[in-house]
Amino acid sequence: MIQYEIVKSTDNEAILRLYRAAGWWQMDENPEYLQTVEGIVANSFCFVIAIKEAEIIGMGRAISDGLSDAYIQDVTVLERERGQGIGKEIIRTLLKHLKEHKLQWIG
């Protein structure tokens, strides 16, 4: 069973691993990266994680002014978990949240 949660904080190391697995983050060990990830999660309009057996296996986020527009980005699922509709459900969860907040234009 996979759970989808909207979060403002989470396991920053797990999120950094997802970014790296997607090829979106440097591989060196700069300690500031975890603080950057913490800020990304906290400051996104909406950040969704997919959890399977206590492991974060996917993520996605939306950035927005909270009034008119929103942009979905950084949607990824661990390669071994792909093909099961997890990414689709992350997008659905993001869209539901954005529409509940009356955002009309979503890119």
PDB file of N, CA and C in Angstrom:
ATOM      1  N   MET A   1       0.838  -1.187   0.000  1.00  0.00           N
ATOM      2  CA  MET A   1       0.000   0.000   0.000  1.00  0.00           C
ATOM      3  C   MET A   1       0.883   1.251   0.000  1.00  0.00           C
ATOM      4  N   ILE A   2       0.516   2.189  -0.821  1.00  0.00           N
ATOM      5  CA  ILE A   2       1.285   3.434  -0.931  1.00  0.00           C
ATOM      6  C   ILE A   2       0.451   4.576  -0.375  1.00  0.00           C
ATOM      7  N   GLN A   3       1.082   5.382   0.466  1.00  0.00           N
ATOM      8  CA  GLN A   3       0.427   6.555   1.040  1.00  0.00           C
ATOM      9  C   GLN A   3       0.974   7.800   0.365  1.00  0.00           C
ATOM     10  N   TYR A   4       0.095   8.785   0.195  1.00  0.00           N
ATOM     11  CA  TYR A   4       0.480  10.066  -0.391  1.00  0.00           C
ATOM     12  C   TYR A   4       0.199  11.136   0.636  1.00  0.00           C
ATOM     13  N   GLU A   5       1.208  11.924   0.954  1.00  0.00           N
ATOM     14  CA  GLU A   5       1.069  12.946   1.995  1.00  0.00           C
ATOM     15  C   GLU A   5       1.565  14.290   1.494  1.00  0.00           C
ATOM     16  N   ILE A   6       0.840  15.321   1.873  1.00  0.00           N
ATOM     17  CA  ILE A   6       1.305  16.689   1.649  1.00  0.00           C
ATOM     18  C   ILE A   6       2.063  17.082   2.906  1.00  0.00           C
ATOM     19  N   VAL A   7       3.300  17.524   2.725  1.00  0.00           N
ATOM     20  CA  VAL A   7       4.156  17.801   3.881  1.00  0.00           C
ATOM     21  C   VAL A   7       4.806  19.173   3.780  1.00  0.00           C
ATOM     22  N   LYS A   8       5.208  19.693   4.920  1.00  0.00           N
ATOM     23  CA  LYS A   8       6.033  20.899   5.001  1.00  0.00           C
ATOM     24  C   LYS A   8       7.416  20.567   5.555  1.00  0.00           C
ATOM     25  N   SER A   9       7.560  19.361   6.063  1.00  0.00           N
ATOM     26  CA  SER A   9       8.868  18.862   6.483  1.00  0.00           C
ATOM     27  C   SER A   9       8.840  17.340   6.345  1.00  0.00           C
ATOM     28  N   THR A  10      10.015  16.766   6.102  1.00  0.00           N
ATOM     29  CA  THR A  10      10.109  15.326   5.912  1.00  0.00           C
ATOM     30  C   THR A  10      11.562  14.902   6.067  1.00  0.00           C
ATOM     31  N   ASP A  11      11.871  13.707   5.669  1.00  0.00           N
ATOM     32  CA  ASP A  11      13.234  13.182   5.721  1.00  0.00           C
ATOM     33  C   ASP A  11      14.036  13.814   4.579  1.00  0.00           C
ATOM     34  N   ASN A  12      14.829  14.824   4.900  1.00  0.00           N
ATOM     35  CA  ASN A  12      15.571  15.556   3.876  1.00  0.00           C
ATOM     36  C   ASN A  12      16.575  14.686   3.135  1.00  0.00           C
ATOM     37  N   GLU A  13      17.155  13.720   3.815  1.00  0.00           N
ATOM     38  CA  GLU A  13      18.102  12.822   3.146  1.00  0.00           C
ATOM     39  C   GLU A  13      17.386  11.978   2.096  1.00  0.00           C
ATOM     40  N   ALA A  14      16.181  11.523   2.386  1.00  0.00           N
ATOM     41  CA  ALA A  14      15.415  10.728   1.415  1.00  0.00           C
ATOM     42  C   ALA A  14      15.049  11.577   0.200  1.00  0.00           C
ATOM     43  N   ILE A  15      14.696  12.836   0.433  1.00  0.00           N
ATOM     44  CA  ILE A  15      14.346  13.719  -0.684  1.00  0.00           C
ATOM     45  C   ILE A  15      15.590  14.009  -1.530  1.00  0.00           C
ATOM     46  N   LEU A  16      16.714  14.229  -0.886  1.00  0.00           N
ATOM     47  CA  LEU A  16      17.953  14.450  -1.621  1.00  0.00           C
ATOM     48  C   LEU A  16      18.303  13.226  -2.465  1.00  0.00           C
ATOM     49  N   ARG A  17      18.080  12.024  -1.927  1.00  0.00           N
ATOM     50  CA  ARG A  17      18.330  10.798  -2.700  1.00  0.00           C
ATOM     51  C   ARG A  17      17.437  10.748  -3.945  1.00  0.00           C
ATOM     52  N   LEU A  18      16.175  11.164  -3.806  1.00  0.00           N
ATOM     53  CA  LEU A  18      15.273  11.188  -4.962  1.00  0.00           C
ATOM     54  C   LEU A  18      15.763  12.178  -6.014  1.00  0.00           C
ATOM     55  N   TYR A  19      16.151  13.373  -5.583  1.00  0.00           N
ATOM     56  CA  TYR A  19      16.689  14.348  -6.530  1.00  0.00           C
ATOM     57  C   TYR A  19      17.909  13.781  -7.261  1.00  0.00           C
ATOM     58  N   ARG A  20      18.781  13.140  -6.527  1.00  0.00           N
ATOM     59  CA  ARG A  20      19.991  12.582  -7.142  1.00  0.00           C
ATOM     60  C   ARG A  20      19.656  11.429  -8.082  1.00  0.00           C
ATOM     61  N   ALA A  21      18.724  10.567  -7.679  1.00  0.00           N
ATOM     62  CA  ALA A  21      18.338   9.437  -8.532  1.00  0.00           C
ATOM     63  C   ALA A  21      17.742   9.918  -9.849  1.00  0.00           C
ATOM     64  N   ALA A  22      17.088  11.077  -9.820  1.00  0.00           N
ATOM     65  CA  ALA A  22      16.509  11.652 -11.036  1.00  0.00           C
ATOM     66  C   ALA A  22      17.555  12.393 -11.873  1.00  0.00           C
ATOM     67  N   GLY A  23      18.761  12.573 -11.330  1.00  0.00           N
ATOM     68  CA  GLY A  23      19.814  13.287 -12.044  1.00  0.00           C
ATOM     69  C   GLY A  23      19.709  14.794 -11.916  1.00  0.00           C
ATOM     70  N   TRP A  24      18.996  15.268 -10.895  1.00  0.00           N
ATOM     71  CA  TRP A  24      18.735  16.694 -10.726  1.00  0.00           C
ATOM     72  C   TRP A  24      19.609  17.339  -9.651  1.00  0.00           C
ATOM     73  N   TRP A  25      20.559  16.615  -9.080  1.00  0.00           N
ATOM     74  CA  TRP A  25      21.340  17.177  -7.983  1.00  0.00           C
ATOM     75  C   TRP A  25      22.765  16.654  -8.060  1.00  0.00           C
ATOM     76  N   GLN A  26      23.697  17.485  -7.626  1.00  0.00           N
ATOM     77  CA  GLN A  26      25.107  17.102  -7.596  1.00  0.00           C
ATOM     78  C   GLN A  26      25.296  15.909  -6.653  1.00  0.00           C
ATOM     79  N   MET A  27      26.376  15.173  -6.910  1.00  0.00           N
ATOM     80  CA  MET A  27      26.638  13.966  -6.121  1.00  0.00           C
ATOM     81  C   MET A  27      27.654  14.193  -4.995  1.00  0.00           C
ATOM     82  N   ASP A  28      28.240  15.380  -4.910  1.00  0.00           N
ATOM     83  CA  ASP A  28      29.205  15.609  -3.829  1.00  0.00           C
ATOM     84  C   ASP A  28      28.458  15.746  -2.496  1.00  0.00           C
ATOM     85  N   GLU A  29      29.193  15.771  -1.416  1.00  0.00           N
ATOM     86  CA  GLU A  29      28.594  15.736  -0.074  1.00  0.00           C
ATOM     87  C   GLU A  29      28.631  17.084   0.638  1.00  0.00           C
ATOM     88  N   ASN A  30      28.172  18.116   0.012  1.00  0.00           N
ATOM     89  CA  ASN A  30      28.095  19.432   0.636  1.00  0.00           C
ATOM     90  C   ASN A  30      27.031  19.403   1.737  1.00  0.00           C
ATOM     91  N   PRO A  31      27.385  19.680   2.980  1.00  0.00           N
ATOM     92  CA  PRO A  31      26.404  19.611   4.081  1.00  0.00           C
ATOM     93  C   PRO A  31      25.274  20.631   3.958  1.00  0.00           C
ATOM     94  N   GLU A  32      25.455  21.653   3.160  1.00  0.00           N
ATOM     95  CA  GLU A  32      24.395  22.650   2.978  1.00  0.00           C
ATOM     96  C   GLU A  32      23.231  22.122   2.141  1.00  0.00           C
ATOM     97  N   TYR A  33      23.446  21.034   1.418  1.00  0.00           N
ATOM     98  CA  TYR A  33      22.385  20.496   0.574  1.00  0.00           C
ATOM     99  C   TYR A  33      21.143  20.115   1.379  1.00  0.00           C
ATOM    100  N   LEU A  34      21.343  19.545   2.553  1.00  0.00           N
ATOM    101  CA  LEU A  34      20.194  19.138   3.366  1.00  0.00           C
ATOM    102  C   LEU A  34      19.384  20.347   3.820  1.00  0.00           C
ATOM    103  N   GLN A  35      20.055  21.450   4.105  1.00  0.00           N
ATOM    104  CA  GLN A  35      19.346  22.686   4.453  1.00  0.00           C
ATOM    105  C   GLN A  35      18.585  23.223   3.245  1.00  0.00           C
ATOM    106  N   THR A  36      19.184  23.112   2.072  1.00  0.00           N
ATOM    107  CA  THR A  36      18.505  23.560   0.856  1.00  0.00           C
ATOM    108  C   THR A  36      17.255  22.724   0.613  1.00  0.00           C
ATOM    109  N   VAL A  37      17.376  21.412   0.757  1.00  0.00           N
ATOM    110  CA  VAL A  37      16.220  20.531   0.584  1.00  0.00           C
ATOM    111  C   VAL A  37      15.141  20.868   1.610  1.00  0.00           C
ATOM    112  N   GLU A  38      15.544  21.101   2.842  1.00  0.00           N
ATOM    113  CA  GLU A  38      14.583  21.480   3.883  1.00  0.00           C
ATOM    114  C   GLU A  38      13.802  22.730   3.467  1.00  0.00           C
ATOM    115  N   GLY A  39      14.498  23.717   2.915  1.00  0.00           N
ATOM    116  CA  GLY A  39      13.854  24.938   2.453  1.00  0.00           C
ATOM    117  C   GLY A  39      12.944  24.703   1.259  1.00  0.00           C
ATOM    118  N   ILE A  40      13.357  23.832   0.346  1.00  0.00           N
ATOM    119  CA  ILE A  40      12.519  23.510  -0.814  1.00  0.00           C
ATOM    120  C   ILE A  40      11.193  22.924  -0.357  1.00  0.00           C
ATOM    121  N   VAL A  41      11.256  21.974   0.550  1.00  0.00           N
ATOM    122  CA  VAL A  41      10.026  21.328   1.046  1.00  0.00           C
ATOM    123  C   VAL A  41       9.168  22.341   1.792  1.00  0.00           C
ATOM    124  N   ALA A  42       9.761  23.074   2.702  1.00  0.00           N
ATOM    125  CA  ALA A  42       9.007  24.008   3.546  1.00  0.00           C
ATOM    126  C   ALA A  42       8.400  25.159   2.750  1.00  0.00           C
ATOM    127  N   ASN A  43       9.094  25.615   1.728  1.00  0.00           N
ATOM    128  CA  ASN A  43       8.660  26.814   1.011  1.00  0.00           C
ATOM    129  C   ASN A  43       7.895  26.549  -0.279  1.00  0.00           C
ATOM    130  N   SER A  44       7.738  25.292  -0.646  1.00  0.00           N
ATOM    131  CA  SER A  44       6.895  24.973  -1.793  1.00  0.00           C
ATOM    132  C   SER A  44       5.447  25.216  -1.392  1.00  0.00           C
ATOM    133  N   PHE A  45       4.626  25.617  -2.333  1.00  0.00           N
ATOM    134  CA  PHE A  45       3.206  25.787  -2.035  1.00  0.00           C
ATOM    135  C   PHE A  45       2.614  24.450  -1.604  1.00  0.00           C
ATOM    136  N   CYS A  46       3.072  23.395  -2.239  1.00  0.00           N
ATOM    137  CA  CYS A  46       2.582  22.057  -1.934  1.00  0.00           C
ATOM    138  C   CYS A  46       3.693  21.065  -2.259  1.00  0.00           C
ATOM    139  N   PHE A  47       4.026  20.199  -1.320  1.00  0.00           N
ATOM    140  CA  PHE A  47       5.048  19.174  -1.540  1.00  0.00           C
ATOM    141  C   PHE A  47       4.437  17.833  -1.165  1.00  0.00           C
ATOM    142  N   VAL A  48       4.410  16.905  -2.118  1.00  0.00           N
ATOM    143  CA  VAL A  48       3.787  15.597  -1.914  1.00  0.00           C
ATOM    144  C   VAL A  48       4.869  14.525  -1.902  1.00  0.00           C
ATOM    145  N   ILE A  49       4.749  13.603  -0.952  1.00  0.00           N
ATOM    146  CA  ILE A  49       5.629  12.442  -0.932  1.00  0.00           C
ATOM    147  C   ILE A  49       4.776  11.181  -1.054  1.00  0.00           C
ATOM    148  N   ALA A  50       5.353  10.168  -1.684  1.00  0.00           N
ATOM    149  CA  ALA A  50       4.748   8.842  -1.772  1.00  0.00           C
ATOM    150  C   ALA A  50       5.557   7.925  -0.875  1.00  0.00           C
ATOM    151  N   ILE A  51       4.868   7.213   0.012  1.00  0.00           N
ATOM    152  CA  ILE A  51       5.533   6.379   1.007  1.00  0.00           C
ATOM    153  C   ILE A  51       5.068   4.935   0.850  1.00  0.00           C
ATOM    154  N   LYS A  52       6.038   4.027   0.796  1.00  0.00           N
ATOM    155  CA  LYS A  52       5.746   2.594   0.735  1.00  0.00           C
ATOM    156  C   LYS A  52       6.613   1.911   1.782  1.00  0.00           C
ATOM    157  N   GLU A  53       5.971   1.215   2.695  1.00  0.00           N
ATOM    158  CA  GLU A  53       6.689   0.488   3.748  1.00  0.00           C
ATOM    159  C   GLU A  53       7.706   1.388   4.457  1.00  0.00           C
ATOM    160  N   ALA A  54       7.260   2.574   4.840  1.00  0.00           N
ATOM    161  CA  ALA A  54       8.045   3.563   5.594  1.00  0.00           C
ATOM    162  C   ALA A  54       9.196   4.189   4.796  1.00  0.00           C
ATOM    163  N   GLU A  55       9.250   3.964   3.484  1.00  0.00           N
ATOM    164  CA  GLU A  55      10.286   4.564   2.632  1.00  0.00           C
ATOM    165  C   GLU A  55       9.647   5.565   1.677  1.00  0.00           C
ATOM    166  N   ILE A  56      10.262   6.728   1.554  1.00  0.00           N
ATOM    167  CA  ILE A  56       9.800   7.714   0.581  1.00  0.00           C
ATOM    168  C   ILE A  56      10.297   7.262  -0.787  1.00  0.00           C
ATOM    169  N   ILE A  57       9.351   6.943  -1.673  1.00  0.00           N
ATOM    170  CA  ILE A  57       9.704   6.390  -2.983  1.00  0.00           C
ATOM    171  C   ILE A  57       9.393   7.354  -4.133  1.00  0.00           C
ATOM    172  N   GLY A  58       8.715   8.456  -3.820  1.00  0.00           N
ATOM    173  CA  GLY A  58       8.379   9.417  -4.855  1.00  0.00           C
ATOM    174  C   GLY A  58       8.072  10.771  -4.257  1.00  0.00           C
ATOM    175  N   MET A  59       8.091  11.786  -5.116  1.00  0.00           N
ATOM    176  CA  MET A  59       7.807  13.147  -4.658  1.00  0.00           C
ATOM    177  C   MET A  59       7.345  13.998  -5.832  1.00  0.00           C
ATOM    178  N   GLY A  60       6.772  15.115  -5.491  1.00  0.00           N
ATOM    179  CA  GLY A  60       6.415  16.134  -6.466  1.00  0.00           C
ATOM    180  C   GLY A  60       6.060  17.396  -5.714  1.00  0.00           C
ATOM    181  N   ARG A  61       6.155  18.524  -6.393  1.00  0.00           N
ATOM    182  CA  ARG A  61       5.835  19.769  -5.706  1.00  0.00           C
ATOM    183  C   ARG A  61       5.221  20.777  -6.651  1.00  0.00           C
ATOM    184  N   ALA A  62       4.580  21.765  -6.057  1.00  0.00           N
ATOM    185  CA  ALA A  62       4.025  22.876  -6.820  1.00  0.00           C
ATOM    186  C   ALA A  62       4.534  24.163  -6.192  1.00  0.00           C
ATOM    187  N   ILE A  63       4.865  25.104  -7.050  1.00  0.00           N
ATOM    188  CA  ILE A  63       5.217  26.444  -6.597  1.00  0.00           C
ATOM    189  C   ILE A  63       4.111  27.373  -7.073  1.00  0.00           C
ATOM    190  N   SER A  64       3.803  28.378  -6.268  1.00  0.00           N
ATOM    191  CA  SER A  64       2.668  29.242  -6.595  1.00  0.00           C
ATOM    192  C   SER A  64       2.724  30.535  -5.806  1.00  0.00           C
ATOM    193  N   ASP A  65       2.018  31.549  -6.336  1.00  0.00           N
ATOM    194  CA  ASP A  65       1.807  32.775  -5.580  1.00  0.00           C
ATOM    195  C   ASP A  65       0.620  32.623  -4.630  1.00  0.00           C
ATOM    196  N   GLY A  66      -0.108  31.520  -4.755  1.00  0.00           N
ATOM    197  CA  GLY A  66      -1.242  31.252  -3.878  1.00  0.00           C
ATOM    198  C   GLY A  66      -2.522  31.948  -4.291  1.00  0.00           C
ATOM    199  N   LEU A  67      -2.477  32.689  -5.395  1.00  0.00           N
ATOM    200  CA  LEU A  67      -3.652  33.449  -5.823  1.00  0.00           C
ATOM    201  C   LEU A  67      -4.129  33.102  -7.224  1.00  0.00           C
ATOM    202  N   SER A  68      -3.202  32.948  -8.147  1.00  0.00           N
ATOM    203  CA  SER A  68      -3.646  32.752  -9.531  1.00  0.00           C
ATOM    204  C   SER A  68      -2.984  31.565 -10.224  1.00  0.00           C
ATOM    205  N   ASP A  69      -1.676  31.505 -10.181  1.00  0.00           N
ATOM    206  CA  ASP A  69      -0.936  30.511 -10.956  1.00  0.00           C
ATOM    207  C   ASP A  69      -0.214  29.519 -10.057  1.00  0.00           C
ATOM    208  N   ALA A  70       0.011  28.326 -10.614  1.00  0.00           N
ATOM    209  CA  ALA A  70       0.834  27.322  -9.941  1.00  0.00           C
ATOM    210  C   ALA A  70       1.581  26.537 -11.009  1.00  0.00           C
ATOM    211  N   TYR A  71       2.747  26.063 -10.649  1.00  0.00           N
ATOM    212  CA  TYR A  71       3.569  25.272 -11.552  1.00  0.00           C
ATOM    213  C   TYR A  71       3.964  23.983 -10.834  1.00  0.00           C
ATOM    214  N   ILE A  72       3.719  22.869 -11.492  1.00  0.00           N
ATOM    215  CA  ILE A  72       4.110  21.571 -10.945  1.00  0.00           C
ATOM    216  C   ILE A  72       5.510  21.256 -11.443  1.00  0.00           C
ATOM    217  N   GLN A  73       6.346  20.786 -10.529  1.00  0.00           N
ATOM    218  CA  GLN A  73       7.703  20.421 -10.916  1.00  0.00           C
ATOM    219  C   GLN A  73       8.268  19.370  -9.982  1.00  0.00           C
ATOM    220  N   ASP A  74       9.438  18.884 -10.322  1.00  0.00           N
ATOM    221  CA  ASP A  74      10.191  17.930  -9.503  1.00  0.00           C
ATOM    222  C   ASP A  74       9.393  16.673  -9.172  1.00  0.00           C
ATOM    223  N   VAL A  75       8.659  16.146 -10.131  1.00  0.00           N
ATOM    224  CA  VAL A  75       7.919  14.901  -9.914  1.00  0.00           C
ATOM    225  C   VAL A  75       8.810  13.742 -10.331  1.00  0.00           C
ATOM    226  N   THR A  76       9.055  12.841  -9.396  1.00  0.00           N
ATOM    227  CA  THR A  76       9.880  11.672  -9.687  1.00  0.00           C
ATOM    228  C   THR A  76       9.501  10.521  -8.768  1.00  0.00           C
ATOM    229  N   VAL A  77       9.791   9.326  -9.242  1.00  0.00           N
ATOM    230  CA  VAL A  77       9.564   8.085  -8.496  1.00  0.00           C
ATOM    231  C   VAL A  77      10.824   7.240  -8.667  1.00  0.00           C
ATOM    232  N   LEU A  78      11.210   6.556  -7.599  1.00  0.00           N
ATOM    233  CA  LEU A  78      12.367   5.673  -7.719  1.00  0.00           C
ATOM    234  C   LEU A  78      12.160   4.719  -8.891  1.00  0.00           C
ATOM    235  N   GLU A  79      13.219   4.462  -9.629  1.00  0.00           N
ATOM    236  CA  GLU A  79      13.127   3.660 -10.849  1.00  0.00           C
ATOM    237  C   GLU A  79      12.482   2.293 -10.590  1.00  0.00           C
ATOM    238  N   ARG A  80      12.829   1.655  -9.503  1.00  0.00           N
ATOM    239  CA  ARG A  80      12.289   0.316  -9.229  1.00  0.00           C
ATOM    240  C   ARG A  80      10.781   0.320  -8.952  1.00  0.00           C
ATOM    241  N   GLU A  81      10.219   1.485  -8.679  1.00  0.00           N
ATOM    242  CA  GLU A  81       8.797   1.600  -8.353  1.00  0.00           C
ATOM    243  C   GLU A  81       7.971   2.185  -9.502  1.00  0.00           C
ATOM    244  N   ARG A  82       8.599   2.473 -10.606  1.00  0.00           N
ATOM    245  CA  ARG A  82       7.892   3.090 -11.731  1.00  0.00           C
ATOM    246  C   ARG A  82       6.960   2.098 -12.418  1.00  0.00           C
ATOM    247  N   GLY A  83       6.003   2.649 -13.166  1.00  0.00           N
ATOM    248  CA  GLY A  83       5.079   1.817 -13.922  1.00  0.00           C
ATOM    249  C   GLY A  83       3.878   1.342 -13.133  1.00  0.00           C
ATOM    250  N   GLN A  84       3.684   1.890 -11.938  1.00  0.00           N
ATOM    251  CA  GLN A  84       2.577   1.483 -11.081  1.00  0.00           C
ATOM    252  C   GLN A  84       1.553   2.602 -10.881  1.00  0.00           C
ATOM    253  N   GLY A  85       1.739   3.721 -11.554  1.00  0.00           N
ATOM    254  CA  GLY A  85       0.810   4.837 -11.403  1.00  0.00           C
ATOM    255  C   GLY A  85       1.121   5.753 -10.236  1.00  0.00           C
ATOM    256  N   ILE A  86       2.275   5.607  -9.632  1.00  0.00           N
ATOM    257  CA  ILE A  86       2.640   6.429  -8.469  1.00  0.00           C
ATOM    258  C   ILE A  86       2.811   7.886  -8.883  1.00  0.00           C
ATOM    259  N   GLY A  87       3.494   8.126  -9.975  1.00  0.00           N
ATOM    260  CA  GLY A  87       3.664   9.496 -10.461  1.00  0.00           C
ATOM    261  C   GLY A  87       2.328  10.148 -10.773  1.00  0.00           C
ATOM    262  N   LYS A  88       1.425   9.386 -11.386  1.00  0.00           N
ATOM    263  CA  LYS A  88       0.085   9.910 -11.673  1.00  0.00           C
ATOM    264  C   LYS A  88      -0.640  10.313 -10.391  1.00  0.00           C
ATOM    265  N   GLU A  89      -0.517   9.491  -9.370  1.00  0.00           N
ATOM    266  CA  GLU A  89      -1.207   9.807  -8.115  1.00  0.00           C
ATOM    267  C   GLU A  89      -0.574  11.007  -7.421  1.00  0.00           C
ATOM    268  N   ILE A  90       0.728  11.166  -7.548  1.00  0.00           N
ATOM    269  CA  ILE A  90       1.386  12.369  -7.019  1.00  0.00           C
ATOM    270  C   ILE A  90       0.805  13.604  -7.713  1.00  0.00           C
ATOM    271  N   ILE A  91       0.700  13.542  -9.038  1.00  0.00           N
ATOM    272  CA  ILE A  91       0.125  14.667  -9.799  1.00  0.00           C
ATOM    273  C   ILE A  91      -1.324  14.904  -9.375  1.00  0.00           C
ATOM    274  N   ARG A  92      -2.108  13.847  -9.254  1.00  0.00           N
ATOM    275  CA  ARG A  92      -3.510  13.997  -8.827  1.00  0.00           C
ATOM    276  C   ARG A  92      -3.604  14.672  -7.464  1.00  0.00           C
ATOM    277  N   THR A  93      -2.742  14.269  -6.551  1.00  0.00           N
ATOM    278  CA  THR A  93      -2.748  14.852  -5.208  1.00  0.00           C
ATOM    279  C   THR A  93      -2.391  16.329  -5.263  1.00  0.00           C
ATOM    280  N   LEU A  94      -1.395  16.677  -6.052  1.00  0.00           N
ATOM    281  CA  LEU A  94      -1.018  18.080  -6.234  1.00  0.00           C
ATOM    282  C   LEU A  94      -2.176  18.880  -6.830  1.00  0.00           C
ATOM    283  N   LEU A  95      -2.771  18.361  -7.904  1.00  0.00           N
ATOM    284  CA  LEU A  95      -3.875  19.077  -8.559  1.00  0.00           C
ATOM    285  C   LEU A  95      -5.055  19.280  -7.623  1.00  0.00           C
ATOM    286  N   LYS A  96      -5.394  18.264  -6.870  1.00  0.00           N
ATOM    287  CA  LYS A  96      -6.513  18.380  -5.921  1.00  0.00           C
ATOM    288  C   LYS A  96      -6.252  19.502  -4.925  1.00  0.00           C
ATOM    289  N   HIS A  97      -5.056  19.529  -4.380  1.00  0.00           N
ATOM    290  CA  HIS A  97      -4.696  20.557  -3.401  1.00  0.00           C
ATOM    291  C   HIS A  97      -4.743  21.954  -4.035  1.00  0.00           C
ATOM    292  N   LEU A  98      -4.198  22.079  -5.230  1.00  0.00           N
ATOM    293  CA  LEU A  98      -4.181  23.378  -5.899  1.00  0.00           C
ATOM    294  C   LEU A  98      -5.599  23.860  -6.205  1.00  0.00           C
ATOM    295  N   LYS A  99      -6.438  22.967  -6.683  1.00  0.00           N
ATOM    296  CA  LYS A  99      -7.818  23.344  -6.992  1.00  0.00           C
ATOM    297  C   LYS A  99      -8.606  23.697  -5.731  1.00  0.00           C
ATOM    298  N   GLU A 100      -8.327  22.999  -4.625  1.00  0.00           N
ATOM    299  CA  GLU A 100      -8.971  23.337  -3.350  1.00  0.00           C
ATOM    300  C   GLU A 100      -8.610  24.752  -2.910  1.00  0.00           C
ATOM    301  N   HIS A 101      -7.458  25.229  -3.345  1.00  0.00           N
ATOM    302  CA  HIS A 101      -7.016  26.584  -3.018  1.00  0.00           C
ATOM    303  C   HIS A 101      -7.367  27.578  -4.124  1.00  0.00           C
ATOM    304  N   LYS A 102      -8.247  27.163  -5.023  1.00  0.00           N
ATOM    305  CA  LYS A 102      -8.836  28.044  -6.047  1.00  0.00           C
ATOM    306  C   LYS A 102      -7.827  28.553  -7.074  1.00  0.00           C
ATOM    307  N   LEU A 103      -6.753  27.821  -7.270  1.00  0.00           N
ATOM    308  CA  LEU A 103      -5.800  28.197  -8.308  1.00  0.00           C
ATOM    309  C   LEU A 103      -6.343  27.760  -9.650  1.00  0.00           C
ATOM    310  N   GLN A 104      -6.405  28.695 -10.589  1.00  0.00           N
ATOM    311  CA  GLN A 104      -7.069  28.457 -11.864  1.00  0.00           C
ATOM    312  C   GLN A 104      -6.110  28.038 -12.976  1.00  0.00           C
ATOM    313  N   TRP A 105      -4.900  28.550 -12.958  1.00  0.00           N
ATOM    314  CA  TRP A 105      -3.952  28.243 -14.013  1.00  0.00           C
ATOM    315  C   TRP A 105      -2.837  27.402 -13.438  1.00  0.00           C
ATOM    316  N   ILE A 106      -2.690  26.183 -13.938  1.00  0.00           N
ATOM    317  CA  ILE A 106      -1.683  25.256 -13.429  1.00  0.00           C
ATOM    318  C   ILE A 106      -0.841  24.787 -14.604  1.00  0.00           C
ATOM    319  N   GLY A 107       0.431  25.021 -14.517  1.00  0.00           N
ATOM    320  CA  GLY A 107       1.346  24.619 -15.579  1.00  0.00           C
ATOM    321  C   GLY A 107       2.214  23.463 -15.162  1.00  0.00           C
TER     322      GLY A 107
END
